[in-house]
Amino acid sequence: MKRSFKSMFSFFTESWSELKKVRWPSRKELTNYTLIVLGTIVVVAIYFWVLDIGISAVIEAII
């Protein structure tokens, strides 16, 4: 029991140490990254929507 408590304490200590090393993005960087992700999602969604319409049209033409 004592060993598991020690390993848990060690885990949290090491985690906190690693979090101190992280370079957190500024608000401007975070906004830019968010806009890039949202833009990519929109482009991929439109791509699959057009692909779905195309495949549906081909299947309808066959049937």
PDB file of N, CA and C in Angstrom:
ATOM      1  N   MET A   1       0.829  -1.191   0.000  1.00  0.00           N
ATOM      2  CA  MET A   1       0.000   0.000   0.000  1.00  0.00           C
ATOM      3  C   MET A   1       0.875   1.259   0.000  1.00  0.00           C
ATOM      4  N   LYS A   2       1.931   1.225   0.802  1.00  0.00           N
ATOM      5  CA  LYS A   2       2.825   2.370   0.885  1.00  0.00           C
ATOM      6  C   LYS A   2       3.536   2.586  -0.449  1.00  0.00           C
ATOM      7  N   ARG A   3       3.864   1.497  -1.112  1.00  0.00           N
ATOM      8  CA  ARG A   3       4.555   1.581  -2.392  1.00  0.00           C
ATOM      9  C   ARG A   3       3.672   2.234  -3.464  1.00  0.00           C
ATOM     10  N   SER A   4       2.385   1.894  -3.495  1.00  0.00           N
ATOM     11  CA  SER A   4       1.490   2.468  -4.487  1.00  0.00           C
ATOM     12  C   SER A   4       1.288   3.960  -4.242  1.00  0.00           C
ATOM     13  N   PHE A   5       1.217   4.375  -2.973  1.00  0.00           N
ATOM     14  CA  PHE A   5       1.100   5.796  -2.660  1.00  0.00           C
ATOM     15  C   PHE A   5       2.344   6.543  -3.113  1.00  0.00           C
ATOM     16  N   LYS A   6       3.501   5.952  -2.911  1.00  0.00           N
ATOM     17  CA  LYS A   6       4.759   6.579  -3.307  1.00  0.00           C
ATOM     18  C   LYS A   6       4.834   6.704  -4.829  1.00  0.00           C
ATOM     19  N   SER A   7       4.414   5.663  -5.543  1.00  0.00           N
ATOM     20  CA  SER A   7       4.460   5.730  -7.002  1.00  0.00           C
ATOM     21  C   SER A   7       3.446   6.736  -7.531  1.00  0.00           C
ATOM     22  N   MET A   8       2.289   6.861  -6.873  1.00  0.00           N
ATOM     23  CA  MET A   8       1.294   7.848  -7.285  1.00  0.00           C
ATOM     24  C   MET A   8       1.840   9.261  -7.058  1.00  0.00           C
ATOM     25  N   PHE A   9       2.454   9.501  -5.922  1.00  0.00           N
ATOM     26  CA  PHE A   9       3.050  10.796  -5.631  1.00  0.00           C
ATOM     27  C   PHE A   9       4.148  11.116  -6.641  1.00  0.00           C
ATOM     28  N   SER A  10       4.943  10.117  -6.978  1.00  0.00           N
ATOM     29  CA  SER A  10       6.006  10.283  -7.961  1.00  0.00           C
ATOM     30  C   SER A  10       5.433  10.635  -9.333  1.00  0.00           C
ATOM     31  N   PHE A  11       4.333   9.984  -9.690  1.00  0.00           N
ATOM     32  CA  PHE A  11       3.684  10.268 -10.971  1.00  0.00           C
ATOM     33  C   PHE A  11       3.255  11.730 -11.050  1.00  0.00           C
ATOM     34  N   PHE A  12       2.578  12.233 -10.017  1.00  0.00           N
ATOM     35  CA  PHE A  12       2.122  13.615 -10.029  1.00  0.00           C
ATOM     36  C   PHE A  12       3.280  14.604  -9.991  1.00  0.00           C
ATOM     37  N   THR A  13       4.330  14.279  -9.286  1.00  0.00           N
ATOM     38  CA  THR A  13       5.509  15.147  -9.245  1.00  0.00           C
ATOM     39  C   THR A  13       6.155  15.239 -10.624  1.00  0.00           C
ATOM     40  N   GLU A  14       6.312  14.104 -11.275  1.00  0.00           N
ATOM     41  CA  GLU A  14       6.905  14.099 -12.612  1.00  0.00           C
ATOM     42  C   GLU A  14       6.004  14.778 -13.635  1.00  0.00           C
ATOM     43  N   SER A  15       4.694  14.592 -13.497  1.00  0.00           N
ATOM     44  CA  SER A  15       3.748  15.248 -14.406  1.00  0.00           C
ATOM     45  C   SER A  15       3.840  16.759 -14.273  1.00  0.00           C
ATOM     46  N   TRP A  16       3.887  17.247 -13.047  1.00  0.00           N
ATOM     47  CA  TRP A  16       3.999  18.689 -12.818  1.00  0.00           C
ATOM     48  C   TRP A  16       5.311  19.225 -13.393  1.00  0.00           C
ATOM     49  N   SER A  17       6.372  18.453 -13.241  1.00  0.00           N
ATOM     50  CA  SER A  17       7.669  18.843 -13.781  1.00  0.00           C
ATOM     51  C   SER A  17       7.612  18.962 -15.305  1.00  0.00           C
ATOM     52  N   GLU A  18       6.936  18.027 -15.948  1.00  0.00           N
ATOM     53  CA  GLU A  18       6.803  18.064 -17.412  1.00  0.00           C
ATOM     54  C   GLU A  18       5.936  19.234 -17.859  1.00  0.00           C
ATOM     55  N   LEU A  19       4.885  19.537 -17.114  1.00  0.00           N
ATOM     56  CA  LEU A  19       4.018  20.664 -17.478  1.00  0.00           C
ATOM     57  C   LEU A  19       4.766  21.990 -17.415  1.00  0.00           C
ATOM     58  N   LYS A  20       5.742  22.099 -16.539  1.00  0.00           N
ATOM     59  CA  LYS A  20       6.538  23.326 -16.464  1.00  0.00           C
ATOM     60  C   LYS A  20       7.392  23.521 -17.712  1.00  0.00           C
ATOM     61  N   LYS A  21       7.703  22.438 -18.429  1.00  0.00           N
ATOM     62  CA  LYS A  21       8.540  22.515 -19.624  1.00  0.00           C
ATOM     63  C   LYS A  21       7.751  22.879 -20.876  1.00  0.00           C
ATOM     64  N   VAL A  22       6.439  22.804 -20.803  1.00  0.00           N
ATOM     65  CA  VAL A  22       5.592  23.034 -21.975  1.00  0.00           C
ATOM     66  C   VAL A  22       5.630  24.501 -22.363  1.00  0.00           C
ATOM     67  N   ARG A  23       5.728  24.763 -23.663  1.00  0.00           N
ATOM     68  CA  ARG A  23       5.631  26.125 -24.171  1.00  0.00           C
ATOM     69  C   ARG A  23       4.191  26.322 -24.619  1.00  0.00           C
ATOM     70  N   TRP A  24       3.432  27.081 -23.841  1.00  0.00           N
ATOM     71  CA  TRP A  24       2.023  27.284 -24.133  1.00  0.00           C
ATOM     72  C   TRP A  24       1.878  28.357 -25.205  1.00  0.00           C
ATOM     73  N   PRO A  25       0.940  28.180 -26.149  1.00  0.00           N
ATOM     74  CA  PRO A  25       0.771  29.175 -27.215  1.00  0.00           C
ATOM     75  C   PRO A  25       0.136  30.462 -26.682  1.00  0.00           C
ATOM     76  N   SER A  26       0.459  31.551 -27.378  1.00  0.00           N
ATOM     77  CA  SER A  26      -0.162  32.825 -27.016  1.00  0.00           C
ATOM     78  C   SER A  26      -1.608  32.829 -27.528  1.00  0.00           C
ATOM     79  N   ARG A  27      -2.365  33.842 -27.144  1.00  0.00           N
ATOM     80  CA  ARG A  27      -3.759  33.933 -27.571  1.00  0.00           C
ATOM     81  C   ARG A  27      -3.845  34.047 -29.100  1.00  0.00           C
ATOM     82  N   LYS A  28      -2.943  34.813 -29.702  1.00  0.00           N
ATOM     83  CA  LYS A  28      -2.955  34.987 -31.154  1.00  0.00           C
ATOM     84  C   LYS A  28      -2.640  33.658 -31.863  1.00  0.00           C
ATOM     85  N   GLU A  29      -1.634  32.944 -31.370  1.00  0.00           N
ATOM     86  CA  GLU A  29      -1.296  31.648 -31.957  1.00  0.00           C
ATOM     87  C   GLU A  29      -2.458  30.668 -31.817  1.00  0.00           C
ATOM     88  N   LEU A  30      -3.074  30.656 -30.649  1.00  0.00           N
ATOM     89  CA  LEU A  30      -4.198  29.753 -30.404  1.00  0.00           C
ATOM     90  C   LEU A  30      -5.367  30.068 -31.330  1.00  0.00           C
ATOM     91  N   THR A  31      -5.632  31.358 -31.541  1.00  0.00           N
ATOM     92  CA  THR A  31      -6.698  31.761 -32.463  1.00  0.00           C
ATOM     93  C   THR A  31      -6.370  31.315 -33.876  1.00  0.00           C
ATOM     94  N   ASN A  32      -5.137  31.514 -34.313  1.00  0.00           N
ATOM     95  CA  ASN A  32      -4.737  31.097 -35.661  1.00  0.00           C
ATOM     96  C   ASN A  32      -4.855  29.583 -35.834  1.00  0.00           C
ATOM     97  N   TYR A  33      -4.388  28.825 -34.857  1.00  0.00           N
ATOM     98  CA  TYR A  33      -4.472  27.363 -34.937  1.00  0.00           C
ATOM     99  C   TYR A  33      -5.926  26.900 -34.983  1.00  0.00           C
ATOM    100  N   THR A  34      -6.768  27.539 -34.183  1.00  0.00           N
ATOM    101  CA  THR A  34      -8.189  27.182 -34.163  1.00  0.00           C
ATOM    102  C   THR A  34      -8.832  27.455 -35.514  1.00  0.00           C
ATOM    103  N   LEU A  35      -8.527  28.611 -36.109  1.00  0.00           N
ATOM    104  CA  LEU A  35      -9.090  28.943 -37.424  1.00  0.00           C
ATOM    105  C   LEU A  35      -8.602  27.975 -38.503  1.00  0.00           C
ATOM    106  N   ILE A  36      -7.350  27.568 -38.411  1.00  0.00           N
ATOM    107  CA  ILE A  36      -6.815  26.597 -39.374  1.00  0.00           C
ATOM    108  C   ILE A  36      -7.548  25.268 -39.245  1.00  0.00           C
ATOM    109  N   VAL A  37      -7.758  24.818 -38.020  1.00  0.00           N
ATOM    110  CA  VAL A  37      -8.462  23.548 -37.798  1.00  0.00           C
ATOM    111  C   VAL A  37      -9.896  23.633 -38.304  1.00  0.00           C
ATOM    112  N   LEU A  38     -10.602  24.712 -37.976  1.00  0.00           N
ATOM    113  CA  LEU A  38     -11.980  24.862 -38.436  1.00  0.00           C
ATOM    114  C   LEU A  38     -12.059  24.951 -39.954  1.00  0.00           C
ATOM    115  N   GLY A  39     -11.130  25.675 -40.573  1.00  0.00           N
ATOM    116  CA  GLY A  39     -11.092  25.761 -42.032  1.00  0.00           C
ATOM    117  C   GLY A  39     -10.848  24.410 -42.669  1.00  0.00           C
ATOM    118  N   THR A  40      -9.944  23.646 -42.101  1.00  0.00           N
ATOM    119  CA  THR A  40      -9.661  22.301 -42.619  1.00  0.00           C
ATOM    120  C   THR A  40     -10.883  21.408 -42.496  1.00  0.00           C
ATOM    121  N   ILE A  41     -11.595  21.494 -41.393  1.00  0.00           N
ATOM    122  CA  ILE A  41     -12.804  20.699 -41.201  1.00  0.00           C
ATOM    123  C   ILE A  41     -13.844  21.051 -42.257  1.00  0.00           C
ATOM    124  N   VAL A  42     -14.018  22.326 -42.536  1.00  0.00           N
ATOM    125  CA  VAL A  42     -14.996  22.754 -43.546  1.00  0.00           C
ATOM    126  C   VAL A  42     -14.604  22.228 -44.917  1.00  0.00           C
ATOM    127  N   VAL A  43     -13.333  22.344 -45.278  1.00  0.00           N
ATOM    128  CA  VAL A  43     -12.874  21.873 -46.592  1.00  0.00           C
ATOM    129  C   VAL A  43     -13.072  20.363 -46.719  1.00  0.00           C
ATOM    130  N   VAL A  44     -12.719  19.609 -45.704  1.00  0.00           N
ATOM    131  CA  VAL A  44     -12.874  18.153 -45.758  1.00  0.00           C
ATOM    132  C   VAL A  44     -14.349  17.770 -45.809  1.00  0.00           C
ATOM    133  N   ALA A  45     -15.199  18.472 -45.060  1.00  0.00           N
ATOM    134  CA  ALA A  45     -16.642  18.190 -45.075  1.00  0.00           C
ATOM    135  C   ALA A  45     -17.223  18.458 -46.463  1.00  0.00           C
ATOM    136  N   ILE A  46     -16.832  19.553 -47.079  1.00  0.00           N
ATOM    137  CA  ILE A  46     -17.315  19.859 -48.430  1.00  0.00           C
ATOM    138  C   ILE A  46     -16.821  18.810 -49.422  1.00  0.00           C
ATOM    139  N   TYR A  47     -15.584  18.389 -49.299  1.00  0.00           N
ATOM    140  CA  TYR A  47     -15.030  17.361 -50.175  1.00  0.00           C
ATOM    141  C   TYR A  47     -15.850  16.075 -50.089  1.00  0.00           C
ATOM    142  N   PHE A  48     -16.111  15.618 -48.879  1.00  0.00           N
ATOM    143  CA  PHE A  48     -16.880  14.377 -48.719  1.00  0.00           C
ATOM    144  C   PHE A  48     -18.333  14.550 -49.148  1.00  0.00           C
ATOM    145  N   TRP A  49     -18.889  15.744 -48.974  1.00  0.00           N
ATOM    146  CA  TRP A  49     -20.261  16.013 -49.415  1.00  0.00           C
ATOM    147  C   TRP A  49     -20.346  15.904 -50.934  1.00  0.00           C
ATOM    148  N   VAL A  50     -19.400  16.524 -51.631  1.00  0.00           N
ATOM    149  CA  VAL A  50     -19.371  16.449 -53.098  1.00  0.00           C
ATOM    150  C   VAL A  50     -19.122  15.014 -53.544  1.00  0.00           C
ATOM    151  N   LEU A  51     -18.212  14.313 -52.900  1.00  0.00           N
ATOM    152  CA  LEU A  51     -17.942  12.920 -53.224  1.00  0.00           C
ATOM    153  C   LEU A  51     -19.189  12.056 -53.019  1.00  0.00           C
ATOM    154  N   ASP A  52     -19.920  12.293 -51.953  1.00  0.00           N
ATOM    155  CA  ASP A  52     -21.152  11.549 -51.679  1.00  0.00           C
ATOM    156  C   ASP A  52     -22.202  11.815 -52.751  1.00  0.00           C
ATOM    157  N   ILE A  53     -22.357  13.061 -53.146  1.00  0.00           N
ATOM    158  CA  ILE A  53     -23.311  13.395 -54.209  1.00  0.00           C
ATOM    159  C   ILE A  53     -22.913  12.706 -55.504  1.00  0.00           C
ATOM    160  N   GLY A  54     -21.618  12.703 -55.818  1.00  0.00           N
ATOM    161  CA  GLY A  54     -21.137  12.061 -57.038  1.00  0.00           C
ATOM    162  C   GLY A  54     -21.388  10.558 -57.025  1.00  0.00           C
ATOM    163  N   ILE A  55     -21.066   9.909 -55.940  1.00  0.00           N
ATOM    164  CA  ILE A  55     -21.264   8.474 -55.836  1.00  0.00           C
ATOM    165  C   ILE A  55     -22.758   8.133 -55.897  1.00  0.00           C
ATOM    166  N   SER A  56     -23.585   8.960 -55.232  1.00  0.00           N
ATOM    167  CA  SER A  56     -25.031   8.728 -55.271  1.00  0.00           C
ATOM    168  C   SER A  56     -25.568   8.866 -56.684  1.00  0.00           C
ATOM    169  N   ALA A  57     -25.058   9.842 -57.429  1.00  0.00           N
ATOM    170  CA  ALA A  57     -25.502  10.038 -58.811  1.00  0.00           C
ATOM    171  C   ALA A  57     -25.101   8.840 -59.671  1.00  0.00           C
ATOM    172  N   VAL A  58     -23.920   8.326 -59.487  1.00  0.00           N
ATOM    173  CA  VAL A  58     -23.465   7.163 -60.255  1.00  0.00           C
ATOM    174  C   VAL A  58     -24.315   5.946 -59.906  1.00  0.00           C
ATOM    175  N   ILE A  59     -24.606   5.730 -58.664  1.00  0.00           N
ATOM    176  CA  ILE A  59     -25.431   4.576 -58.254  1.00  0.00           C
ATOM    177  C   ILE A  59     -26.841   4.712 -58.805  1.00  0.00           C
ATOM    178  N   GLU A  60     -27.393   5.931 -58.739  1.00  0.00           N
ATOM    179  CA  GLU A  60     -28.738   6.151 -59.303  1.00  0.00           C
ATOM    180  C   GLU A  60     -28.758   5.901 -60.797  1.00  0.00           C
ATOM    181  N   ALA A  61     -27.695   6.251 -61.503  1.00  0.00           N
ATOM    182  CA  ALA A  61     -27.619   6.036 -62.955  1.00  0.00           C
ATOM    183  C   ALA A  61     -27.532   4.547 -63.263  1.00  0.00           C
ATOM    184  N   ILE A  62     -26.860   3.786 -62.415  1.00  0.00           N
ATOM    185  CA  ILE A  62     -26.734   2.346 -62.630  1.00  0.00           C
ATOM    186  C   ILE A  62     -28.047   1.639 -62.336  1.00  0.00           C
ATOM    187  N   ILE A  63     -28.710   2.055 -61.287  1.00  0.00           N
ATOM    188  CA  ILE A  63     -29.961   1.386 -60.885  1.00  0.00           C
ATOM    189  C   ILE A  63     -31.053   1.961 -61.718  1.00  0.00           C
TER     190      ILE A  63
END
